Amino acid sequence: MAFKTIWKILNTERQFIDGELENVIKAIEYQVLLTEGPDEQALADQVSFVLVDSPSSSFISYENVTEANCIAWVQEVLGDKKIAEIQFELETAHANRDNSVITGSGLPWE
C-alpha cells in the first residue's frame, strides 16, 4: 500500500494592523499526516512570516484566505529540502513503529 501525505492547518495567528493592512497572518501552525491504510504518523510545527514590502494588491484579506493558501505559504517557507526531510522523518517513524501495540484511543462516533 502506498503512503498518502496530508497537510492540515491547525491554527493561524494574525496581527490586527500592520501598516496599511489589517488582519495580517503572522504565523501558521500546521500538521503533516502520513497515512497507509489505518496507520498514520503525524508531525506538527509552526512557521512565522514577516511581511516585507509586499504590495497590498497581492494581499489576501483574512476572511478570504483558504487552507490551500496557508498550505502553499507554509510549503514555500519550508522549501523542498525541509519538506523532503519531514516526509523522510514520517516514513522512518512509520517503518520503526512498534507493531506489538494492541491498544488505541479515540471516540467511536468520530
N, C-alpha and C. Protein backbone atom coordinates (compact mmCIF):
# COMPACT_ATOMS: atom_id res chain seq x y z
N MET A 1 0.84 -1.18 0.00
CA MET A 1 0.00 0.00 0.00
C MET A 1 0.88 1.24 0.00
N ALA A 2 0.48 2.27 -0.70
CA ALA A 2 1.28 3.48 -0.82
C ALA A 2 0.95 4.47 0.30
N PHE A 3 1.94 5.27 0.62
CA PHE A 3 1.75 6.33 1.60
C PHE A 3 0.93 7.46 1.00
N LYS A 4 0.14 8.09 1.85
CA LYS A 4 -0.58 9.29 1.46
C LYS A 4 -0.18 10.38 2.44
N THR A 5 0.24 11.52 1.93
CA THR A 5 0.65 12.64 2.78
C THR A 5 -0.45 13.69 2.75
N ILE A 6 -0.89 14.11 3.93
CA ILE A 6 -1.96 15.10 4.05
C ILE A 6 -1.45 16.27 4.87
N TRP A 7 -1.56 17.47 4.33
CA TRP A 7 -1.20 18.70 5.05
C TRP A 7 -2.48 19.32 5.59
N LYS A 8 -2.43 19.73 6.86
CA LYS A 8 -3.57 20.37 7.50
C LYS A 8 -3.10 21.64 8.20
N ILE A 9 -3.96 22.61 8.26
CA ILE A 9 -3.68 23.83 9.01
C ILE A 9 -4.45 23.74 10.32
N LEU A 10 -3.72 23.86 11.43
CA LEU A 10 -4.33 23.75 12.75
C LEU A 10 -4.77 25.10 13.31
N ASN A 11 -4.00 26.15 12.99
CA ASN A 11 -4.32 27.47 13.55
C ASN A 11 -3.51 28.54 12.83
N THR A 12 -3.97 29.76 12.90
CA THR A 12 -3.21 30.90 12.41
C THR A 12 -3.17 31.97 13.50
N GLU A 13 -2.12 32.76 13.47
CA GLU A 13 -2.03 33.94 14.33
C GLU A 13 -1.96 35.14 13.40
N ARG A 14 -2.69 36.20 13.76
CA ARG A 14 -2.69 37.37 12.90
C ARG A 14 -2.47 38.64 13.71
N GLN A 15 -1.95 39.64 13.02
CA GLN A 15 -1.77 40.97 13.60
C GLN A 15 -2.90 41.82 13.05
N PHE A 16 -3.61 42.48 13.95
CA PHE A 16 -4.81 43.21 13.52
C PHE A 16 -4.47 44.38 12.59
N ILE A 17 -3.36 45.09 12.84
CA ILE A 17 -2.96 46.19 11.98
C ILE A 17 -1.48 46.08 11.71
N ASP A 18 -1.10 46.10 10.44
CA ASP A 18 0.31 46.07 10.03
C ASP A 18 0.46 47.09 8.91
N GLY A 19 0.84 48.31 9.29
CA GLY A 19 0.92 49.40 8.32
C GLY A 19 -0.46 49.71 7.80
N GLU A 20 -0.63 49.61 6.49
CA GLU A 20 -1.92 49.90 5.87
C GLU A 20 -2.83 48.68 5.81
N LEU A 21 -2.30 47.53 6.19
CA LEU A 21 -3.07 46.29 6.08
C LEU A 21 -3.67 45.88 7.41
N GLU A 22 -4.77 45.16 7.35
CA GLU A 22 -5.44 44.66 8.55
C GLU A 22 -5.49 43.13 8.52
N ASN A 23 -5.47 42.54 9.73
CA ASN A 23 -5.58 41.09 9.89
C ASN A 23 -4.55 40.34 9.04
N VAL A 24 -3.29 40.62 9.29
CA VAL A 24 -2.18 40.02 8.54
C VAL A 24 -1.73 38.76 9.27
N ILE A 25 -1.75 37.64 8.58
CA ILE A 25 -1.32 36.37 9.18
C ILE A 25 0.19 36.43 9.42
N LYS A 26 0.59 36.17 10.65
CA LYS A 26 2.00 36.23 11.03
C LYS A 26 2.58 34.86 11.33
N ALA A 27 1.73 33.88 11.65
CA ALA A 27 2.21 32.53 11.96
C ALA A 27 1.12 31.54 11.60
N ILE A 28 1.57 30.36 11.15
CA ILE A 28 0.64 29.30 10.81
C ILE A 28 1.13 28.02 11.47
N GLU A 29 0.22 27.39 12.22
CA GLU A 29 0.51 26.09 12.83
C GLU A 29 -0.04 25.03 11.88
N TYR A 30 0.83 24.08 11.51
CA TYR A 30 0.42 23.08 10.53
C TYR A 30 0.71 21.68 11.04
N GLN A 31 0.10 20.71 10.38
CA GLN A 31 0.33 19.31 10.69
C GLN A 31 0.48 18.56 9.37
N VAL A 32 1.43 17.64 9.35
CA VAL A 32 1.60 16.76 8.19
C VAL A 32 1.31 15.34 8.66
N LEU A 33 0.36 14.70 8.00
CA LEU A 33 -0.01 13.32 8.31
C LEU A 33 0.48 12.41 7.20
N LEU A 34 1.05 11.30 7.59
CA LEU A 34 1.44 10.26 6.64
C LEU A 34 0.56 9.07 6.96
N THR A 35 -0.24 8.65 5.99
CA THR A 35 -1.16 7.54 6.23
C THR A 35 -0.85 6.40 5.29
N GLU A 36 -1.09 5.21 5.78
CA GLU A 36 -1.03 4.00 4.97
C GLU A 36 -2.10 3.08 5.54
N GLY A 37 -3.23 3.00 4.86
CA GLY A 37 -4.35 2.26 5.41
C GLY A 37 -4.81 2.93 6.69
N PRO A 38 -5.03 2.13 7.75
CA PRO A 38 -5.49 2.72 9.01
C PRO A 38 -4.35 3.33 9.85
N ASP A 39 -3.09 3.08 9.45
CA ASP A 39 -1.94 3.58 10.21
C ASP A 39 -1.61 5.00 9.79
N GLU A 40 -1.24 5.82 10.78
CA GLU A 40 -0.80 7.17 10.45
C GLU A 40 0.28 7.64 11.40
N GLN A 41 1.13 8.50 10.88
CA GLN A 41 2.16 9.20 11.64
C GLN A 41 1.90 10.68 11.43
N ALA A 42 2.17 11.49 12.43
CA ALA A 42 1.91 12.92 12.30
C ALA A 42 3.07 13.73 12.85
N LEU A 43 3.25 14.90 12.27
CA LEU A 43 4.22 15.86 12.73
C LEU A 43 3.54 17.22 12.70
N ALA A 44 3.67 17.99 13.76
CA ALA A 44 3.08 19.33 13.80
C ALA A 44 4.17 20.33 14.12
N ASP A 45 4.04 21.52 13.55
CA ASP A 45 5.01 22.58 13.78
C ASP A 45 4.35 23.91 13.43
N GLN A 46 5.13 24.98 13.50
CA GLN A 46 4.61 26.31 13.20
C GLN A 46 5.66 27.07 12.41
N VAL A 47 5.23 27.89 11.46
CA VAL A 47 6.12 28.79 10.76
C VAL A 47 5.64 30.21 10.97
N SER A 48 6.59 31.13 11.00
CA SER A 48 6.27 32.55 11.17
C SER A 48 6.58 33.29 9.88
N PHE A 49 5.89 34.39 9.68
CA PHE A 49 6.03 35.18 8.47
C PHE A 49 6.39 36.61 8.82
N VAL A 50 7.16 37.23 7.96
CA VAL A 50 7.45 38.66 8.06
C VAL A 50 7.01 39.25 6.73
N LEU A 51 6.14 40.22 6.80
CA LEU A 51 5.65 40.87 5.60
C LEU A 51 6.67 41.93 5.19
N VAL A 52 7.37 41.66 4.09
CA VAL A 52 8.42 42.57 3.65
C VAL A 52 8.04 43.15 2.29
N ASP A 53 7.74 44.42 2.29
CA ASP A 53 7.45 45.13 1.04
C ASP A 53 6.51 44.36 0.12
N SER A 54 5.54 43.73 0.69
CA SER A 54 4.56 43.01 -0.12
C SER A 54 3.53 44.02 -0.63
N PRO A 55 3.33 44.06 -1.93
CA PRO A 55 2.35 45.03 -2.44
C PRO A 55 0.95 44.68 -1.94
N SER A 56 0.22 45.69 -1.53
CA SER A 56 -1.11 45.44 -1.00
C SER A 56 -2.03 44.83 -2.07
N SER A 57 -1.67 44.96 -3.34
CA SER A 57 -2.50 44.38 -4.40
C SER A 57 -2.45 42.85 -4.39
N SER A 58 -1.36 42.26 -3.82
CA SER A 58 -1.27 40.80 -3.76
C SER A 58 -1.73 40.26 -2.41
N PHE A 59 -2.11 41.15 -1.52
CA PHE A 59 -2.55 40.76 -0.18
C PHE A 59 -3.93 40.11 -0.25
N ILE A 60 -4.10 39.01 0.47
CA ILE A 60 -5.40 38.35 0.56
C ILE A 60 -5.99 38.67 1.92
N SER A 61 -7.17 39.25 1.94
CA SER A 61 -7.78 39.61 3.22
C SER A 61 -8.06 38.34 4.03
N TYR A 62 -7.95 38.47 5.33
CA TYR A 62 -8.04 37.33 6.25
C TYR A 62 -9.28 36.48 5.98
N GLU A 63 -10.40 37.11 5.79
CA GLU A 63 -11.65 36.35 5.60
C GLU A 63 -11.68 35.61 4.27
N ASN A 64 -10.77 35.92 3.35
CA ASN A 64 -10.72 35.24 2.06
C ASN A 64 -9.59 34.22 1.95
N VAL A 65 -8.78 34.10 3.00
CA VAL A 65 -7.68 33.13 2.99
C VAL A 65 -8.26 31.73 3.12
N THR A 66 -7.75 30.81 2.32
CA THR A 66 -8.21 29.41 2.37
C THR A 66 -7.12 28.54 2.99
N GLU A 67 -7.49 27.33 3.35
CA GLU A 67 -6.50 26.40 3.85
C GLU A 67 -5.44 26.13 2.77
N ALA A 68 -5.87 26.07 1.53
CA ALA A 68 -4.92 25.86 0.43
C ALA A 68 -3.90 26.99 0.35
N ASN A 69 -4.34 28.25 0.56
CA ASN A 69 -3.40 29.37 0.60
C ASN A 69 -2.37 29.16 1.69
N CYS A 70 -2.84 28.81 2.89
CA CYS A 70 -1.95 28.63 4.04
C CYS A 70 -0.97 27.49 3.81
N ILE A 71 -1.44 26.39 3.25
CA ILE A 71 -0.55 25.26 2.97
C ILE A 71 0.53 25.68 1.98
N ALA A 72 0.14 26.40 0.95
CA ALA A 72 1.12 26.87 -0.05
C ALA A 72 2.15 27.79 0.59
N TRP A 73 1.72 28.69 1.49
CA TRP A 73 2.65 29.60 2.16
C TRP A 73 3.61 28.84 3.06
N VAL A 74 3.08 27.87 3.81
CA VAL A 74 3.92 27.06 4.70
C VAL A 74 4.96 26.31 3.88
N GLN A 75 4.53 25.68 2.80
CA GLN A 75 5.45 24.90 1.97
C GLN A 75 6.49 25.80 1.31
N GLU A 76 6.10 27.01 0.95
CA GLU A 76 7.05 27.96 0.37
C GLU A 76 8.12 28.35 1.39
N VAL A 77 7.70 28.61 2.63
CA VAL A 77 8.66 28.96 3.68
C VAL A 77 9.58 27.78 3.98
N LEU A 78 9.02 26.57 4.05
CA LEU A 78 9.82 25.39 4.37
C LEU A 78 10.81 25.05 3.26
N GLY A 79 10.38 25.11 2.04
CA GLY A 79 11.23 24.76 0.91
C GLY A 79 11.24 23.25 0.66
N ASP A 80 11.67 22.88 -0.53
CA ASP A 80 11.65 21.47 -0.95
C ASP A 80 12.50 20.58 -0.05
N LYS A 81 13.65 21.06 0.38
CA LYS A 81 14.56 20.24 1.20
C LYS A 81 13.91 19.89 2.54
N LYS A 82 13.32 20.88 3.21
CA LYS A 82 12.68 20.64 4.51
C LYS A 82 11.45 19.75 4.35
N ILE A 83 10.69 19.94 3.28
CA ILE A 83 9.52 19.10 3.03
C ILE A 83 9.95 17.64 2.86
N ALA A 84 11.04 17.43 2.12
CA ALA A 84 11.57 16.06 1.93
C ALA A 84 12.03 15.48 3.26
N GLU A 85 12.64 16.30 4.12
CA GLU A 85 13.08 15.84 5.45
C GLU A 85 11.88 15.42 6.30
N ILE A 86 10.81 16.19 6.26
CA ILE A 86 9.60 15.87 7.00
C ILE A 86 9.04 14.54 6.51
N GLN A 87 8.95 14.38 5.19
CA GLN A 87 8.44 13.13 4.61
C GLN A 87 9.29 11.95 5.06
N PHE A 88 10.62 12.10 5.01
CA PHE A 88 11.53 11.03 5.40
C PHE A 88 11.35 10.70 6.88
N GLU A 89 11.24 11.73 7.72
CA GLU A 89 11.05 11.52 9.16
C GLU A 89 9.77 10.74 9.45
N LEU A 90 8.69 11.09 8.76
CA LEU A 90 7.42 10.39 8.97
C LEU A 90 7.49 8.95 8.46
N GLU A 91 8.11 8.74 7.31
CA GLU A 91 8.24 7.39 6.77
C GLU A 91 9.11 6.52 7.67
N THR A 92 10.18 7.11 8.22
CA THR A 92 11.06 6.38 9.14
C THR A 92 10.31 6.02 10.41
N ALA A 93 9.55 6.96 10.96
CA ALA A 93 8.76 6.68 12.17
C ALA A 93 7.74 5.59 11.89
N HIS A 94 7.15 5.63 10.71
CA HIS A 94 6.16 4.61 10.34
C HIS A 94 6.83 3.24 10.24
N ALA A 95 7.99 3.19 9.62
CA ALA A 95 8.71 1.92 9.45
C ALA A 95 9.18 1.35 10.78
N ASN A 96 9.48 2.22 11.74
CA ASN A 96 10.01 1.80 13.03
C ASN A 96 8.94 1.69 14.11
N ARG A 97 7.70 1.82 13.74
CA ARG A 97 6.63 1.77 14.75
C ARG A 97 6.60 0.39 15.39
N ASP A 98 6.11 0.36 16.58
CA ASP A 98 6.05 -0.89 17.34
C ASP A 98 4.76 -1.61 16.96
N ASN A 99 4.88 -2.65 16.17
CA ASN A 99 3.71 -3.40 15.71
C ASN A 99 3.05 -4.20 16.81
N SER A 100 3.68 -4.27 17.99
CA SER A 100 3.10 -5.05 19.07
C SER A 100 2.07 -4.26 19.88
N VAL A 101 1.92 -2.97 19.58
CA VAL A 101 0.95 -2.15 20.30
C VAL A 101 -0.45 -2.63 19.93
N ILE A 102 -1.23 -2.97 20.94
CA ILE A 102 -2.56 -3.50 20.65
C ILE A 102 -3.67 -2.67 21.29
N THR A 103 -3.35 -1.47 21.68
CA THR A 103 -4.35 -0.58 22.24
C THR A 103 -4.42 0.68 21.41
N GLY A 104 -5.48 1.40 21.56
CA GLY A 104 -5.64 2.67 20.85
C GLY A 104 -6.57 3.57 21.62
N SER A 105 -6.70 4.79 21.15
CA SER A 105 -7.61 5.73 21.81
C SER A 105 -8.45 6.42 20.73
N GLY A 106 -9.52 7.03 21.15
CA GLY A 106 -10.38 7.73 20.21
C GLY A 106 -11.82 7.68 20.66
N LEU A 107 -12.67 8.24 19.85
CA LEU A 107 -14.11 8.26 20.12
C LEU A 107 -14.80 7.51 19.00
N PRO A 108 -15.63 6.53 19.31
CA PRO A 108 -16.25 5.72 18.25
C PRO A 108 -17.17 6.51 17.33
N TRP A 109 -17.63 7.66 17.72
CA TRP A 109 -18.55 8.42 16.88
C TRP A 109 -17.84 9.44 16.01
N GLU A 110 -16.51 9.51 16.07
CA GLU A 110 -15.77 10.44 15.20
C GLU A 110 -15.01 9.70 14.16
